[in-house]
Protein backbone atom coordinates (compact mmCIF):
# COMPACT_ATOMS: atom_id res chain seq x y z
CA UNK A 1 -0.16 -0.34 0.46
CA UNK A 2 1.10 3.41 -0.96
CA UNK A 3 1.20 6.53 1.05
CA UNK A 4 0.57 9.45 -0.03
CA UNK A 5 3.24 12.51 0.56
CA UNK A 6 1.12 14.73 3.01
CA UNK A 7 0.39 11.41 4.94
CA UNK A 8 4.15 11.00 5.21
CA UNK A 9 4.91 14.11 6.43
CA UNK A 10 2.39 13.74 9.59
CA UNK A 11 3.16 10.53 10.33
CA UNK A 12 7.18 11.11 10.16
CA UNK A 13 6.41 15.17 12.20
CA UNK A 14 4.29 12.34 14.65
CA UNK A 15 6.67 10.48 15.09
CA UNK A 16 9.98 12.05 15.39
CA UNK A 17 8.03 14.90 18.76
CA UNK A 18 5.84 12.10 20.87
CA UNK A 19 7.69 8.66 19.87
CA UNK A 20 11.45 9.51 19.32
CA UNK A 21 11.97 8.57 15.91
CA UNK A 22 11.57 4.65 16.84
CA UNK A 23 8.92 4.37 13.87
CA UNK A 24 11.96 5.94 11.42
CA UNK A 25 12.28 3.54 8.59
CA UNK A 26 8.74 1.68 9.16
CA UNK A 27 7.40 4.04 6.07
CA UNK A 28 9.81 2.83 3.75
CA UNK A 29 9.59 -0.71 3.52
CA UNK A 30 7.00 -3.47 5.64
CA UNK A 31 9.02 -6.24 5.17
CA UNK A 32 10.38 -8.32 7.93
CA UNK A 33 13.42 -8.31 8.60
CA UNK A 34 14.97 -11.97 7.38
CA UNK A 35 16.17 -13.56 10.62
CA UNK A 36 19.01 -16.08 9.97
CA UNK A 37 18.59 -19.88 11.03
CA UNK A 38 20.39 -22.44 12.64
CA UNK A 39 20.42 -26.23 12.61
CA UNK A 40 22.55 -28.37 14.93
CA UNK A 41 22.83 -32.29 15.52
CA UNK A 42 21.70 -34.33 18.70
CA UNK A 43 25.70 -34.77 19.03
CA UNK A 44 26.87 -31.28 19.28
CA UNK A 45 24.42 -30.24 20.78
CA UNK A 46 25.80 -32.91 23.46
CA UNK A 47 29.19 -31.85 23.30
CA UNK A 48 28.69 -28.48 23.57
CA UNK A 49 26.05 -28.51 26.74
CA UNK A 50 29.42 -30.77 28.19
CA UNK A 51 31.29 -27.58 26.99
CA UNK A 52 28.98 -25.09 28.72
CA UNK A 53 29.34 -26.36 32.06
CA UNK A 54 33.20 -27.24 31.97
CA UNK A 55 33.82 -23.27 31.76
CA UNK A 56 31.23 -23.19 34.50
CA UNK A 57 32.70 -25.26 36.86
CA UNK A 58 36.39 -25.10 36.57
CA UNK A 59 38.30 -23.19 38.62
CA UNK A 60 40.14 -19.93 37.91
CA UNK A 61 44.07 -20.74 37.39
CA UNK A 62 45.94 -18.73 39.82
CA UNK A 63 48.52 -16.53 39.26
CA UNK A 64 51.41 -18.83 40.20
CA UNK A 65 49.61 -20.86 37.22
CA UNK A 66 50.00 -17.91 35.29
CA UNK A 67 53.36 -16.94 36.01
CA UNK A 68 51.06 -13.62 36.18
CA UNK A 69 53.69 -10.37 36.44
CA UNK A 70 52.15 -7.41 39.04
CA UNK A 71 53.46 -3.90 36.84
CA UNK A 72 54.09 -1.21 39.55
CA UNK A 73 53.23 2.61 38.84
CA UNK A 74 53.10 5.39 41.08
CA UNK A 75 51.63 8.17 39.87
CA UNK A 76 53.24 11.49 41.22
CA UNK A 77 51.85 15.03 39.15
CA UNK A 78 52.48 14.84 35.46
CA UNK A 79 48.93 12.83 34.24
CA UNK A 80 49.81 13.11 30.81
CA UNK A 81 52.95 11.47 31.25
CA UNK A 82 51.04 9.20 33.35
CA UNK A 83 48.38 7.78 30.88
CA UNK A 84 50.71 7.05 27.91
CA UNK A 85 52.53 5.16 30.40
CA UNK A 86 49.84 2.73 31.08
CA UNK A 87 47.75 3.20 27.77
CA UNK A 88 51.60 1.88 26.55
CA UNK A 89 51.61 -0.76 28.41
CA UNK A 90 48.22 -1.86 28.07
CA UNK A 91 48.86 -1.95 24.32
CA UNK A 92 51.73 -3.29 23.89
CA UNK A 93 51.55 -6.02 26.41
CA UNK A 94 50.36 -9.76 25.33
CA UNK A 95 51.97 -11.72 28.77
CA UNK A 96 49.21 -12.31 31.57
CA UNK A 97 50.08 -8.87 33.83
CA UNK A 98 47.69 -6.78 36.04
CA UNK A 99 48.78 -3.25 36.33
CA UNK A 100 48.51 -0.96 39.73
CA UNK A 101 48.83 2.07 39.37
CA UNK A 102 49.96 3.94 42.85
CA UNK A 103 49.32 7.20 43.64
CA UNK A 104 51.60 8.84 45.47
CA UNK A 105 50.46 12.41 44.83
CA UNK A 106 49.43 12.81 49.36
CA UNK A 107 52.16 9.69 50.19
CA UNK A 108 55.81 9.50 51.10
CA UNK A 109 58.54 10.53 49.38
CA UNK A 110 60.06 7.12 50.45
CA UNK A 111 60.85 4.94 47.26
CA UNK A 112 61.66 1.96 49.31
CA UNK A 113 59.58 2.15 52.16
CA UNK A 114 56.29 1.89 48.70
CA UNK A 115 58.45 -1.08 47.20
CA UNK A 116 59.07 -2.66 49.43
CA UNK A 117 55.17 -2.78 50.66
CA UNK A 118 54.15 -3.33 47.16
CA UNK A 119 56.15 -5.86 47.16
CA UNK A 120 55.01 -8.01 50.05
CA UNK A 121 51.01 -7.01 49.16
CA UNK A 122 51.54 -8.12 46.08
CA UNK A 123 50.22 -11.71 45.03
CA UNK A 124 52.45 -12.43 41.98
CA UNK A 125 55.61 -14.37 42.21
CA UNK A 126 56.86 -11.58 39.48
CA UNK A 127 56.90 -8.32 39.74
CA UNK A 128 58.01 -5.29 37.54
CA UNK A 129 58.65 -1.78 39.76
CA UNK A 130 58.47 0.97 36.97
CA UNK A 131 58.34 5.14 36.58
CA UNK A 132 55.99 6.93 35.22
CA UNK A 133 57.70 8.13 32.81
CA UNK A 134 58.80 5.10 31.66
CA UNK A 135 57.65 3.74 27.75
CA UNK A 136 57.80 -0.24 27.03
CA UNK A 137 57.55 -0.34 22.85
CA UNK A 138 55.54 -2.53 21.13
CA UNK A 139 57.29 -6.18 19.87
CA UNK A 140 56.51 -9.41 19.51
CA UNK A 141 56.83 -10.98 20.90
CA UNK A 142 56.26 -9.00 23.72
CA UNK A 143 58.32 -6.81 25.90
CA UNK A 144 57.47 -8.50 29.37
CA UNK A 145 57.01 -12.60 27.74
CA UNK A 146 61.10 -11.83 26.15
CA UNK A 147 62.31 -10.58 29.85
CA UNK A 148 60.00 -13.52 31.24
CA UNK A 149 61.80 -15.52 29.21
CA UNK A 150 65.05 -15.37 30.58
CA UNK A 151 64.41 -16.68 33.84
CA UNK A 152 63.35 -19.68 32.13
CA UNK A 153 67.24 -19.58 30.22
CA UNK A 154 69.36 -18.22 33.20
CA UNK A 155 68.71 -20.44 36.65
CA UNK A 156 70.64 -17.78 38.27
CA UNK A 157 68.49 -15.11 36.84
CA UNK A 158 66.36 -13.30 39.92
CA UNK A 159 66.09 -10.08 38.44
CA UNK A 160 65.60 -8.58 34.23
CA UNK A 161 66.04 -5.40 33.50
CA UNK A 162 65.66 -3.79 29.67
CA UNK A 163 68.00 -1.70 28.11
CA UNK A 164 66.49 2.25 28.76
CA UNK A 165 67.32 5.89 26.56
CA UNK A 166 67.97 7.94 29.16
CA UNK A 167 70.11 6.65 32.69
CA UNK A 168 72.92 6.92 34.65
CA UNK A 169 74.16 3.62 33.52
CA UNK A 170 75.99 2.77 31.08
CA UNK A 171 75.74 -0.96 30.32
CA UNK A 172 72.13 -0.07 30.46
CA UNK A 173 72.08 2.31 28.00
CA UNK A 174 70.78 2.16 24.35
CA UNK A 175 69.01 4.05 22.18
CA UNK A 176 67.95 0.55 19.54
CA UNK A 177 67.64 -2.53 20.19
CA UNK A 178 69.82 -5.25 19.39
CA UNK A 179 69.16 -8.86 18.62
CA UNK A 180 71.40 -9.86 20.79
CA UNK A 181 71.46 -12.71 23.96
CA UNK A 182 70.68 -11.72 27.37
CA UNK A 183 73.55 -10.39 29.38
CA UNK A 184 74.52 -10.38 33.09
CA UNK A 185 74.90 -6.83 35.08
CA UNK A 186 78.00 -6.40 35.95
CA UNK A 187 77.81 -2.28 37.14
CA UNK A 188 75.29 -0.24 39.21
CA UNK A 189 71.95 -0.16 37.08
CA UNK A 190 68.85 2.71 37.75
CA UNK A 191 65.11 1.12 38.85
CA UNK A 192 63.45 2.82 36.29
CA UNK A 193 62.16 -0.28 35.33
CA UNK A 194 62.53 -3.70 36.52
CA UNK A 195 61.16 -7.60 36.48
CA UNK A 196 61.78 -8.50 39.58
CA UNK A 197 61.77 -11.73 41.04
CA UNK A 198 60.19 -11.41 44.26
CA UNK A 199 61.76 -14.16 46.24
CA UNK A 200 65.14 -12.67 45.11
CA UNK A 201 64.50 -10.14 48.29
CA UNK A 202 64.73 -13.10 50.39
CA UNK A 203 68.38 -14.19 49.19
CA UNK A 204 69.14 -10.27 48.42
CA UNK A 205 67.38 -8.52 51.01
CA UNK A 206 64.38 -5.15 50.61
CA UNK A 207 65.00 -2.08 49.88
CA UNK A 208 67.44 0.24 52.94
CA UNK A 209 64.40 2.50 53.72
CA UNK A 210 67.45 4.75 55.18
CA UNK A 211 67.15 5.95 51.42
CA UNK A 212 64.60 8.30 50.18
CA UNK A 213 63.77 9.40 45.98
CA UNK A 214 67.91 8.63 45.36
CA UNK A 215 70.04 5.33 45.79
CA UNK A 216 67.43 3.25 46.84
CA UNK A 217 68.08 1.39 43.02
CA UNK A 218 71.89 1.72 43.02
CA UNK A 219 72.22 0.49 46.89
CA UNK A 220 70.54 -2.39 45.84
CA UNK A 221 71.96 -3.25 42.90
CA UNK A 222 75.15 -3.60 43.96
CA UNK A 223 74.04 -6.09 46.94
CA UNK A 224 73.06 -7.92 43.75
CA UNK A 225 75.93 -7.39 42.18
CA UNK A 226 77.93 -9.18 44.31
CA UNK A 227 75.60 -12.25 45.07
CA UNK A 228 77.23 -15.53 45.05
CA UNK A 229 74.26 -17.26 43.81
CA UNK A 230 71.36 -14.35 42.60
CA UNK A 231 72.09 -12.28 39.70
CA UNK A 232 70.27 -10.04 36.74
CA UNK A 233 70.41 -9.72 33.19
CA UNK A 234 70.14 -7.29 30.87
CA UNK A 235 67.82 -7.50 27.64
CA UNK A 236 69.47 -6.17 24.68
CA UNK A 237 66.10 -6.42 22.51
CA UNK A 238 63.88 -4.51 24.35
CA UNK A 239 64.49 -0.78 24.41
CA UNK A 240 61.95 0.93 26.73
CA UNK A 241 61.94 5.51 26.06
CA UNK A 242 63.01 7.64 29.68
CA UNK A 243 61.63 11.09 29.74
CA UNK A 244 63.67 11.45 32.86
CA UNK A 245 62.33 12.68 36.31
CA UNK A 246 59.09 14.06 34.27
CA UNK A 247 57.35 14.07 37.76
CA UNK A 248 59.79 14.62 40.63
CA UNK A 249 61.98 17.33 39.14
CA UNK A 250 57.73 18.95 38.72
CA UNK A 251 57.46 17.91 42.50
CA UNK A 252 60.95 19.91 42.95
CA UNK A 253 59.54 23.16 42.20
CA UNK A 254 55.74 23.51 43.18
CA UNK A 255 54.52 25.27 46.10
CA UNK A 256 55.56 22.62 48.75
CA UNK A 257 58.53 21.85 47.08
CA UNK A 258 58.67 18.47 48.53
CA UNK A 259 62.06 17.43 47.11
CA UNK A 260 64.98 19.61 47.61
CA UNK A 261 66.94 17.40 45.13
CA UNK A 262 70.60 19.09 46.29
CA UNK A 263 69.89 18.13 49.81
CA UNK A 264 68.94 14.96 49.22
CA UNK A 265 71.27 13.94 46.61
CA UNK A 266 74.54 14.49 48.92
CA UNK A 267 72.10 12.16 51.75
CA UNK A 268 71.83 9.33 49.97
CA UNK A 269 75.54 9.87 48.02
CA UNK A 270 77.23 9.75 51.66
CA UNK A 271 75.69 6.49 52.12
CA UNK A 272 76.50 4.95 48.86
CA UNK A 273 79.68 6.18 48.98
CA UNK A 274 79.41 3.67 52.08
CA UNK A 275 78.31 0.78 51.03
CA UNK A 276 80.41 1.09 47.81
CA UNK A 277 83.69 1.04 49.97
CA UNK A 278 82.69 -1.69 51.56
């Protein structure tokens, strides 16, 4: 049945005014949509039902079984940097993980205490401690898969570090990835992005809580390097981009002046000199 133009206009107006446009499109066609049909045999139905019950009854795999990694990122006062860090982690990580964005804006500047607490509270056997101004790369296999593989290849490996674009450690620094096997860490290293096997803290000890912003990772790295049965390895094929002090530099000049770089640097250097001379 054809509808004249005036009735179509009236119906369109009424639909928009009183029905919110729900009848839109029904004037053009009165045909019912064709619904797809499905056919399934009795055997296929029984198999599908068994699979359904299996999925319902199966327990969740544990973090231990999955070798899930907890990634800890400390947030401070650079939301644009921190958001980019989280975005790249989500986009470029295929290994099982959980992401802990730890808000430290009103917390403590004692990094040792924060890291020790995070490791103790984690349900995972592996944990990544990462600065919020570190960007992980897109790789296949992914950056975390490559780093986790290092534990299987080296029995004495308890820590894995990627190469870093900006860092104080010469051995740890690189601008581009290289297709080389993992190498043992023999020099002091920074903690911008480190993957720990959690049990290493029972071997080497926890982070020294006498340090605040500076020196925590350096002091711990000295203990690891001196350890006889625990080692750290670098992945030359994984390079992370480090913006370098994006949030802490901002904190040093804010209205509360939470970080006095000069005083804290001098304090940590005195502690480190004692450790180096042991």
